[in-house]
């Protein structure tokens, strides 16, 4: 057999052997652990970082029960939630500039139709597109606002990244800029200051505990414990508190820091 031919056959053998070995090796563990894009929801990143916690200690101030839902809940039985005492709701509308909740209409309109005050939220992915672009996508796909006394301002869900690096690969200053771009564009489009949903631990790590949004943007804090704990810098009180991801009924459960008339006041702006 000519030398050049034997070399070709030997190279082919090693190529085939390498391919067979690659096929038998397992994929990296992270590939199985990372959820598909679009599947994120409020609190998804909070659970592994801040734990499940317990129910709030009853009592001090008047608070109003609410829920937040996403596609994970599917078609929601809103009348059952209303009967259980839930008076307001937030519904995931969008994520990044690539995802819209397929159950949004049933959830957003269904909560309204049973009498709830409702709003929409956007799951931020600062590693995919800019803040202004995501604000526009949100407003264009359900995140708008109207002064009907029943529609809450849109909420920016900015928390632990379920798809990769906790701070989405951004420095603290770059993250603050991204958030500012989103908030400014949302206000330019709707006339309202968006609500900020976050966890104190994430806010501290990923924004450097930036205090500059507290004067305009209501705080929705995620803390799965019997007390709300330390708030991010600048906010002296919370507007909403997500206190559990495993409530007595469907969705994550929340307390609005005030009676129902304060929920109406936020809706009216």
C-alpha atoms as a PDB file:
ATOM      1  CA  UNK A   1       0.000   0.000   0.000  1.00  0.00           C
ATOM      2  CA  UNK A   2       1.435   3.434  -0.896  1.00  0.00           C
ATOM      3  CA  UNK A   3       2.605   5.514   2.075  1.00  0.00           C
ATOM      4  CA  UNK A   4       0.308   8.447   1.310  1.00  0.00           C
ATOM      5  CA  UNK A   5      -2.724   6.161   1.229  1.00  0.00           C
ATOM      6  CA  UNK A   6      -1.904   4.547   4.549  1.00  0.00           C
ATOM      7  CA  UNK A   7      -1.546   7.983   6.110  1.00  0.00           C
ATOM      8  CA  UNK A   8      -4.988   8.994   4.826  1.00  0.00           C
ATOM      9  CA  UNK A   9      -6.543   5.836   6.247  1.00  0.00           C
ATOM     10  CA  UNK A  10      -4.827   6.396   9.599  1.00  0.00           C
ATOM     11  CA  UNK A  11      -6.066  10.001   9.756  1.00  0.00           C
ATOM     12  CA  UNK A  12      -9.590   8.877   8.931  1.00  0.00           C
ATOM     13  CA  UNK A  13      -9.433   6.255  11.690  1.00  0.00           C
ATOM     14  CA  UNK A  14      -8.401   8.799  14.331  1.00  0.00           C
ATOM     15  CA  UNK A  15     -11.087  11.254  13.169  1.00  0.00           C
ATOM     16  CA  UNK A  16     -13.765   8.578  13.513  1.00  0.00           C
ATOM     17  CA  UNK A  17     -12.446   7.535  16.908  1.00  0.00           C
ATOM     18  CA  UNK A  18     -12.525  11.149  18.137  1.00  0.00           C
ATOM     19  CA  UNK A  19     -16.098  11.568  16.923  1.00  0.00           C
ATOM     20  CA  UNK A  20     -17.268   8.395  18.668  1.00  0.00           C
ATOM     21  CA  UNK A  21     -15.569   9.480  21.899  1.00  0.00           C
ATOM     22  CA  UNK A  22     -17.225  12.914  21.759  1.00  0.00           C
ATOM     23  CA  UNK A  23     -20.631  11.324  21.282  1.00  0.00           C
ATOM     24  CA  UNK A  24     -20.224   9.139  24.361  1.00  0.00           C
ATOM     25  CA  UNK A  25     -19.044  11.937  26.677  1.00  0.00           C
ATOM     26  CA  UNK A  26     -21.743  13.724  28.752  1.00  0.00           C
ATOM     27  CA  UNK A  27     -22.589  17.352  28.060  1.00  0.00           C
ATOM     28  CA  UNK A  28     -21.289  19.880  30.608  1.00  0.00           C
ATOM     29  CA  UNK A  29     -23.420  19.891  33.746  1.00  0.00           C
ATOM     30  CA  UNK A  30     -24.355  23.569  33.294  1.00  0.00           C
ATOM     31  CA  UNK A  31     -26.127  22.858  30.003  1.00  0.00           C
ATOM     32  CA  UNK A  32     -28.723  20.764  31.835  1.00  0.00           C
ATOM     33  CA  UNK A  33     -29.065  23.302  34.647  1.00  0.00           C
ATOM     34  CA  UNK A  34     -29.641  26.424  32.561  1.00  0.00           C
ATOM     35  CA  UNK A  35     -33.371  26.971  31.832  1.00  0.00           C
ATOM     36  CA  UNK A  36     -34.564  27.941  28.355  1.00  0.00           C
ATOM     37  CA  UNK A  37     -34.724  31.644  27.538  1.00  0.00           C
ATOM     38  CA  UNK A  38     -38.172  33.050  28.200  1.00  0.00           C
ATOM     39  CA  UNK A  39     -38.900  30.809  31.188  1.00  0.00           C
ATOM     40  CA  UNK A  40     -37.759  33.269  33.867  1.00  0.00           C
ATOM     41  CA  UNK A  41     -40.259  34.730  36.319  1.00  0.00           C
ATOM     42  CA  UNK A  42     -40.273  36.915  39.412  1.00  0.00           C
ATOM     43  CA  UNK A  43     -38.260  35.361  42.192  1.00  0.00           C
ATOM     44  CA  UNK A  44     -36.694  32.663  40.019  1.00  0.00           C
ATOM     45  CA  UNK A  45     -33.226  33.817  40.977  1.00  0.00           C
ATOM     46  CA  UNK A  46     -34.165  34.838  44.505  1.00  0.00           C
ATOM     47  CA  UNK A  47     -34.954  31.329  45.779  1.00  0.00           C
ATOM     48  CA  UNK A  48     -31.431  29.868  45.557  1.00  0.00           C
ATOM     49  CA  UNK A  49     -29.874  33.052  46.971  1.00  0.00           C
ATOM     50  CA  UNK A  50     -32.284  34.174  49.681  1.00  0.00           C
ATOM     51  CA  UNK A  51     -34.130  30.967  50.513  1.00  0.00           C
ATOM     52  CA  UNK A  52     -37.797  30.185  50.912  1.00  0.00           C
ATOM     53  CA  UNK A  53     -38.334  31.750  54.334  1.00  0.00           C
ATOM     54  CA  UNK A  54     -41.678  31.858  56.081  1.00  0.00           C
ATOM     55  CA  UNK A  55     -44.937  33.761  56.176  1.00  0.00           C
ATOM     56  CA  UNK A  56     -45.013  37.412  57.280  1.00  0.00           C
ATOM     57  CA  UNK A  57     -45.620  38.192  60.896  1.00  0.00           C
ATOM     58  CA  UNK A  58     -49.237  39.392  61.019  1.00  0.00           C
ATOM     59  CA  UNK A  59     -50.160  42.611  62.251  1.00  0.00           C
ATOM     60  CA  UNK A  60     -48.483  45.972  62.244  1.00  0.00           C
ATOM     61  CA  UNK A  61     -49.774  47.881  59.253  1.00  0.00           C
ATOM     62  CA  UNK A  62     -52.713  47.395  56.950  1.00  0.00           C
ATOM     63  CA  UNK A  63     -51.592  45.503  53.884  1.00  0.00           C
ATOM     64  CA  UNK A  64     -53.348  44.264  50.756  1.00  0.00           C
ATOM     65  CA  UNK A  65     -52.769  40.815  49.287  1.00  0.00           C
ATOM     66  CA  UNK A  66     -51.609  40.395  45.698  1.00  0.00           C
ATOM     67  CA  UNK A  67     -50.119  37.814  43.356  1.00  0.00           C
ATOM     68  CA  UNK A  68     -47.753  37.762  40.417  1.00  0.00           C
ATOM     69  CA  UNK A  69     -48.041  35.193  37.647  1.00  0.00           C
ATOM     70  CA  UNK A  70     -46.303  34.147  34.434  1.00  0.00           C
ATOM     71  CA  UNK A  71     -46.726  31.460  31.797  1.00  0.00           C
ATOM     72  CA  UNK A  72     -45.867  28.873  34.462  1.00  0.00           C
ATOM     73  CA  UNK A  73     -49.369  29.318  35.910  1.00  0.00           C
ATOM     74  CA  UNK A  74     -51.147  28.908  32.558  1.00  0.00           C
ATOM     75  CA  UNK A  75     -54.799  29.903  32.590  1.00  0.00           C
ATOM     76  CA  UNK A  76     -55.478  31.288  36.070  1.00  0.00           C
ATOM     77  CA  UNK A  77     -58.735  30.829  38.007  1.00  0.00           C
ATOM     78  CA  UNK A  78     -59.018  34.494  38.894  1.00  0.00           C
ATOM     79  CA  UNK A  79     -62.401  34.238  40.594  1.00  0.00           C
ATOM     80  CA  UNK A  80     -60.914  31.762  43.076  1.00  0.00           C
ATOM     81  CA  UNK A  81     -58.064  34.139  43.865  1.00  0.00           C
ATOM     82  CA  UNK A  82     -60.468  37.048  44.245  1.00  0.00           C
ATOM     83  CA  UNK A  83     -62.602  35.067  46.692  1.00  0.00           C
ATOM     84  CA  UNK A  84     -59.485  34.180  48.705  1.00  0.00           C
ATOM     85  CA  UNK A  85     -58.776  37.884  49.263  1.00  0.00           C
ATOM     86  CA  UNK A  86     -56.327  38.731  46.470  1.00  0.00           C
ATOM     87  CA  UNK A  87     -57.078  42.270  45.242  1.00  0.00           C
ATOM     88  CA  UNK A  88     -54.188  43.074  42.879  1.00  0.00           C
ATOM     89  CA  UNK A  89     -51.969  41.222  40.437  1.00  0.00           C
ATOM     90  CA  UNK A  90     -48.940  41.615  38.211  1.00  0.00           C
ATOM     91  CA  UNK A  91     -48.601  39.542  35.047  1.00  0.00           C
ATOM     92  CA  UNK A  92     -45.386  38.824  33.159  1.00  0.00           C
ATOM     93  CA  UNK A  93     -45.689  40.389  29.728  1.00  0.00           C
ATOM     94  CA  UNK A  94     -42.194  40.181  28.265  1.00  0.00           C
ATOM     95  CA  UNK A  95     -38.578  39.164  28.670  1.00  0.00           C
ATOM     96  CA  UNK A  96     -35.638  40.727  26.859  1.00  0.00           C
ATOM     97  CA  UNK A  97     -36.706  41.608  23.319  1.00  0.00           C
ATOM     98  CA  UNK A  98     -37.403  38.009  22.355  1.00  0.00           C
ATOM     99  CA  UNK A  99     -40.280  36.688  24.488  1.00  0.00           C
ATOM    100  CA  UNK A 100     -43.929  37.428  25.174  1.00  0.00           C
ATOM    101  CA  UNK A 101     -46.074  35.486  27.636  1.00  0.00           C
ATOM    102  CA  UNK A 102     -48.525  33.302  25.644  1.00  0.00           C
ATOM    103  CA  UNK A 103     -51.012  33.442  28.544  1.00  0.00           C
ATOM    104  CA  UNK A 104     -50.794  37.208  28.951  1.00  0.00           C
ATOM    105  CA  UNK A 105     -54.271  38.051  27.642  1.00  0.00           C
ATOM    106  CA  UNK A 106     -56.039  35.500  29.861  1.00  0.00           C
ATOM    107  CA  UNK A 107     -54.069  36.554  32.917  1.00  0.00           C
ATOM    108  CA  UNK A 108     -54.043  40.318  32.406  1.00  0.00           C
ATOM    109  CA  UNK A 109     -57.660  40.667  31.292  1.00  0.00           C
ATOM    110  CA  UNK A 110     -58.925  37.900  33.569  1.00  0.00           C
ATOM    111  CA  UNK A 111     -57.627  39.586  36.701  1.00  0.00           C
ATOM    112  CA  UNK A 112     -59.180  42.871  35.602  1.00  0.00           C
ATOM    113  CA  UNK A 113     -62.530  41.251  34.842  1.00  0.00           C
ATOM    114  CA  UNK A 114     -62.959  39.851  38.361  1.00  0.00           C
ATOM    115  CA  UNK A 115     -62.292  43.289  39.873  1.00  0.00           C
ATOM    116  CA  UNK A 116     -58.571  43.271  40.571  1.00  0.00           C
ATOM    117  CA  UNK A 117     -56.186  46.157  40.010  1.00  0.00           C
ATOM    118  CA  UNK A 118     -53.507  44.775  37.736  1.00  0.00           C
ATOM    119  CA  UNK A 119     -50.248  45.599  36.016  1.00  0.00           C
ATOM    120  CA  UNK A 120     -47.634  44.022  33.784  1.00  0.00           C
ATOM    121  CA  UNK A 121     -43.992  43.242  34.426  1.00  0.00           C
ATOM    122  CA  UNK A 122     -40.873  42.787  32.306  1.00  0.00           C
ATOM    123  CA  UNK A 123     -38.100  40.317  33.123  1.00  0.00           C
ATOM    124  CA  UNK A 124     -34.867  42.168  32.363  1.00  0.00           C
ATOM    125  CA  UNK A 125     -31.965  40.528  30.548  1.00  0.00           C
ATOM    126  CA  UNK A 126     -29.321  43.263  30.423  1.00  0.00           C
ATOM    127  CA  UNK A 127     -26.904  40.939  28.630  1.00  0.00           C
ATOM    128  CA  UNK A 128     -29.049  40.687  25.482  1.00  0.00           C
ATOM    129  CA  UNK A 129     -30.164  44.211  24.499  1.00  0.00           C
ATOM    130  CA  UNK A 130     -30.141  47.752  25.877  1.00  0.00           C
ATOM    131  CA  UNK A 131     -32.448  49.131  28.546  1.00  0.00           C
ATOM    132  CA  UNK A 132     -34.322  51.499  26.214  1.00  0.00           C
ATOM    133  CA  UNK A 133     -34.893  48.741  23.654  1.00  0.00           C
ATOM    134  CA  UNK A 134     -36.354  46.460  26.315  1.00  0.00           C
ATOM    135  CA  UNK A 135     -38.593  49.230  27.652  1.00  0.00           C
ATOM    136  CA  UNK A 136     -39.976  49.773  24.151  1.00  0.00           C
ATOM    137  CA  UNK A 137     -40.534  46.044  23.676  1.00  0.00           C
ATOM    138  CA  UNK A 138     -42.346  45.899  27.015  1.00  0.00           C
ATOM    139  CA  UNK A 139     -44.649  48.823  26.236  1.00  0.00           C
ATOM    140  CA  UNK A 140     -45.346  47.465  22.750  1.00  0.00           C
ATOM    141  CA  UNK A 141     -46.347  44.047  24.130  1.00  0.00           C
ATOM    142  CA  UNK A 142     -48.659  44.739  27.053  1.00  0.00           C
ATOM    143  CA  UNK A 143     -46.631  46.897  29.415  1.00  0.00           C
ATOM    144  CA  UNK A 144     -48.383  50.191  28.776  1.00  0.00           C
ATOM    145  CA  UNK A 145     -50.475  52.197  31.226  1.00  0.00           C
ATOM    146  CA  UNK A 146     -53.835  53.948  31.203  1.00  0.00           C
ATOM    147  CA  UNK A 147     -55.405  56.082  33.914  1.00  0.00           C
ATOM    148  CA  UNK A 148     -58.493  53.966  34.499  1.00  0.00           C
ATOM    149  CA  UNK A 149     -57.934  53.445  38.231  1.00  0.00           C
ATOM    150  CA  UNK A 150     -57.366  49.725  37.623  1.00  0.00           C
ATOM    151  CA  UNK A 151     -53.992  49.625  35.853  1.00  0.00           C
ATOM    152  CA  UNK A 152     -50.737  49.726  37.816  1.00  0.00           C
ATOM    153  CA  UNK A 153     -47.531  51.144  36.305  1.00  0.00           C
ATOM    154  CA  UNK A 154     -45.259  48.598  34.677  1.00  0.00           C
ATOM    155  CA  UNK A 155     -42.685  46.805  36.815  1.00  0.00           C
ATOM    156  CA  UNK A 156     -39.043  46.109  35.949  1.00  0.00           C
ATOM    157  CA  UNK A 157     -38.042  42.704  37.301  1.00  0.00           C
ATOM    158  CA  UNK A 158     -34.275  43.018  37.792  1.00  0.00           C
ATOM    159  CA  UNK A 159     -32.778  40.153  39.801  1.00  0.00           C
ATOM    160  CA  UNK A 160     -30.381  37.187  39.755  1.00  0.00           C
ATOM    161  CA  UNK A 161     -29.742  35.969  36.230  1.00  0.00           C
ATOM    162  CA  UNK A 162     -31.099  32.418  35.839  1.00  0.00           C
ATOM    163  CA  UNK A 163     -29.255  31.952  32.537  1.00  0.00           C
ATOM    164  CA  UNK A 164     -25.688  32.817  33.518  1.00  0.00           C
ATOM    165  CA  UNK A 165     -23.575  35.355  35.410  1.00  0.00           C
ATOM    166  CA  UNK A 166     -25.494  36.819  38.367  1.00  0.00           C
ATOM    167  CA  UNK A 167     -25.000  40.415  37.224  1.00  0.00           C
ATOM    168  CA  UNK A 168     -25.448  39.627  33.519  1.00  0.00           C
ATOM    169  CA  UNK A 169     -21.765  40.299  32.891  1.00  0.00           C
ATOM    170  CA  UNK A 170     -22.075  44.002  33.714  1.00  0.00           C
ATOM    171  CA  UNK A 171     -20.097  46.192  36.064  1.00  0.00           C
ATOM    172  CA  UNK A 172     -22.041  47.985  38.773  1.00  0.00           C
ATOM    173  CA  UNK A 173     -21.914  51.312  36.939  1.00  0.00           C
ATOM    174  CA  UNK A 174     -22.945  49.699  33.653  1.00  0.00           C
ATOM    175  CA  UNK A 175     -25.881  48.020  35.378  1.00  0.00           C
ATOM    176  CA  UNK A 176     -27.058  51.335  36.852  1.00  0.00           C
ATOM    177  CA  UNK A 177     -26.862  52.878  33.385  1.00  0.00           C
ATOM    178  CA  UNK A 178     -28.864  50.001  31.886  1.00  0.00           C
ATOM    179  CA  UNK A 179     -31.586  50.348  34.520  1.00  0.00           C
ATOM    180  CA  UNK A 180     -31.683  54.126  34.072  1.00  0.00           C
ATOM    181  CA  UNK A 181     -32.084  53.735  30.311  1.00  0.00           C
ATOM    182  CA  UNK A 182     -35.020  51.380  30.821  1.00  0.00           C
ATOM    183  CA  UNK A 183     -36.734  53.609  33.394  1.00  0.00           C
ATOM    184  CA  UNK A 184     -36.274  56.792  31.366  1.00  0.00           C
ATOM    185  CA  UNK A 185     -37.653  55.206  28.207  1.00  0.00           C
ATOM    186  CA  UNK A 186     -40.581  53.653  30.035  1.00  0.00           C
ATOM    187  CA  UNK A 187     -41.526  57.026  31.480  1.00  0.00           C
ATOM    188  CA  UNK A 188     -41.110  58.707  28.092  1.00  0.00           C
ATOM    189  CA  UNK A 189     -43.516  56.170  26.565  1.00  0.00           C
ATOM    190  CA  UNK A 190     -46.134  56.014  29.342  1.00  0.00           C
ATOM    191  CA  UNK A 191     -45.765  59.075  31.554  1.00  0.00           C
ATOM    192  CA  UNK A 192     -45.284  56.831  34.603  1.00  0.00           C
ATOM    193  CA  UNK A 193     -42.304  55.874  36.717  1.00  0.00           C
ATOM    194  CA  UNK A 194     -41.924  52.110  36.620  1.00  0.00           C
ATOM    195  CA  UNK A 195     -41.892  49.971  39.747  1.00  0.00           C
ATOM    196  CA  UNK A 196     -38.546  48.277  40.489  1.00  0.00           C
ATOM    197  CA  UNK A 197     -38.724  44.658  41.639  1.00  0.00           C
ATOM    198  CA  UNK A 198     -35.475  43.342  43.114  1.00  0.00           C
ATOM    199  CA  UNK A 199     -33.774  41.663  46.083  1.00  0.00           C
ATOM    200  CA  UNK A 200     -31.525  43.646  48.414  1.00  0.00           C
ATOM    201  CA  UNK A 201     -28.717  41.106  48.031  1.00  0.00           C
ATOM    202  CA  UNK A 202     -28.757  41.346  44.221  1.00  0.00           C
ATOM    203  CA  UNK A 203     -29.077  45.139  44.251  1.00  0.00           C
ATOM    204  CA  UNK A 204     -26.093  45.439  46.558  1.00  0.00           C
ATOM    205  CA  UNK A 205     -23.900  43.114  44.517  1.00  0.00           C
ATOM    206  CA  UNK A 206     -24.870  44.230  41.028  1.00  0.00           C
ATOM    207  CA  UNK A 207     -25.509  47.990  41.377  1.00  0.00           C
ATOM    208  CA  UNK A 208     -23.210  48.738  44.314  1.00  0.00           C
ATOM    209  CA  UNK A 209     -26.359  49.477  46.353  1.00  0.00           C
ATOM    210  CA  UNK A 210     -27.171  52.485  44.189  1.00  0.00           C
ATOM    211  CA  UNK A 211     -29.624  54.890  45.842  1.00  0.00           C
ATOM    212  CA  UNK A 212     -30.526  57.148  42.931  1.00  0.00           C
ATOM    213  CA  UNK A 213     -33.840  55.624  41.855  1.00  0.00           C
ATOM    214  CA  UNK A 214     -35.569  55.682  45.238  1.00  0.00           C
ATOM    215  CA  UNK A 215     -37.090  59.144  44.916  1.00  0.00           C
ATOM    216  CA  UNK A 216     -39.134  58.296  41.822  1.00  0.00           C
ATOM    217  CA  UNK A 217     -39.535  54.545  41.474  1.00  0.00           C
ATOM    218  CA  UNK A 218     -41.655  52.497  43.896  1.00  0.00           C
ATOM    219  CA  UNK A 219     -39.830  49.512  45.406  1.00  0.00           C
ATOM    220  CA  UNK A 220     -41.128  45.961  45.159  1.00  0.00           C
ATOM    221  CA  UNK A 221     -38.842  43.929  47.367  1.00  0.00           C
ATOM    222  CA  UNK A 222     -38.350  40.158  47.198  1.00  0.00           C
ATOM    223  CA  UNK A 223     -37.655  38.655  50.596  1.00  0.00           C
ATOM    224  CA  UNK A 224     -38.931  35.209  51.548  1.00  0.00           C
ATOM    225  CA  UNK A 225     -38.995  35.589  55.302  1.00  0.00           C
ATOM    226  CA  UNK A 226     -41.274  36.608  58.149  1.00  0.00           C
ATOM    227  CA  UNK A 227     -39.944  40.191  57.926  1.00  0.00           C
ATOM    228  CA  UNK A 228     -38.911  42.290  54.959  1.00  0.00           C
ATOM    229  CA  UNK A 229     -35.402  42.926  56.296  1.00  0.00           C
ATOM    230  CA  UNK A 230     -32.948  45.560  55.059  1.00  0.00           C
ATOM    231  CA  UNK A 231     -34.057  47.515  51.996  1.00  0.00           C
ATOM    232  CA  UNK A 232     -31.782  48.674  49.168  1.00  0.00           C
ATOM    233  CA  UNK A 233     -30.137  52.070  49.653  1.00  0.00           C
ATOM    234  CA  UNK A 234     -32.344  55.120  49.250  1.00  0.00           C
ATOM    235  CA  UNK A 235     -35.701  53.485  49.947  1.00  0.00           C
ATOM    236  CA  UNK A 236     -36.993  54.098  53.458  1.00  0.00           C
ATOM    237  CA  UNK A 237     -40.060  51.929  52.865  1.00  0.00           C
ATOM    238  CA  UNK A 238     -41.290  49.343  50.378  1.00  0.00           C
ATOM    239  CA  UNK A 239     -44.427  49.642  48.272  1.00  0.00           C
ATOM    240  CA  UNK A 240     -44.809  45.904  47.652  1.00  0.00           C
ATOM    241  CA  UNK A 241     -43.238  42.838  49.228  1.00  0.00           C
ATOM    242  CA  UNK A 242     -43.049  39.418  47.593  1.00  0.00           C
ATOM    243  CA  UNK A 243     -42.935  37.261  50.698  1.00  0.00           C
ATOM    244  CA  UNK A 244     -43.257  33.749  49.276  1.00  0.00           C
ATOM    245  CA  UNK A 245     -42.998  31.784  46.056  1.00  0.00           C
ATOM    246  CA  UNK A 246     -45.202  29.009  47.422  1.00  0.00           C
ATOM    247  CA  UNK A 247     -48.365  30.699  48.634  1.00  0.00           C
ATOM    248  CA  UNK A 248     -51.683  29.094  49.566  1.00  0.00           C
ATOM    249  CA  UNK A 249     -53.025  29.712  46.053  1.00  0.00           C
ATOM    250  CA  UNK A 250     -51.572  30.031  42.552  1.00  0.00           C
ATOM    251  CA  UNK A 251     -48.655  32.390  41.859  1.00  0.00           C
ATOM    252  CA  UNK A 252     -46.150  34.166  44.096  1.00  0.00           C
ATOM    253  CA  UNK A 253     -47.785  36.043  46.953  1.00  0.00           C
ATOM    254  CA  UNK A 254     -47.217  39.655  47.878  1.00  0.00           C
ATOM    255  CA  UNK A 255     -48.252  42.331  50.340  1.00  0.00           C
ATOM    256  CA  UNK A 256     -48.992  45.889  49.246  1.00  0.00           C
ATOM    257  CA  UNK A 257     -47.846  48.271  51.970  1.00  0.00           C
ATOM    258  CA  UNK A 258     -51.203  49.905  52.579  1.00  0.00           C
ATOM    259  CA  UNK A 259     -54.936  49.477  52.282  1.00  0.00           C
ATOM    260  CA  UNK A 260     -56.720  49.005  48.953  1.00  0.00           C
ATOM    261  CA  UNK A 261     -57.122  52.749  48.473  1.00  0.00           C
ATOM    262  CA  UNK A 262     -53.315  53.041  48.316  1.00  0.00           C
ATOM    263  CA  UNK A 263     -53.238  50.447  45.541  1.00  0.00           C
ATOM    264  CA  UNK A 264     -55.792  52.563  43.687  1.00  0.00           C
ATOM    265  CA  UNK A 265     -53.650  55.662  44.294  1.00  0.00           C
ATOM    266  CA  UNK A 266     -50.641  53.979  42.682  1.00  0.00           C
ATOM    267  CA  UNK A 267     -52.789  52.961  39.731  1.00  0.00           C
ATOM    268  CA  UNK A 268     -54.001  56.519  39.260  1.00  0.00           C
ATOM    269  CA  UNK A 269     -50.541  58.019  39.583  1.00  0.00           C
END
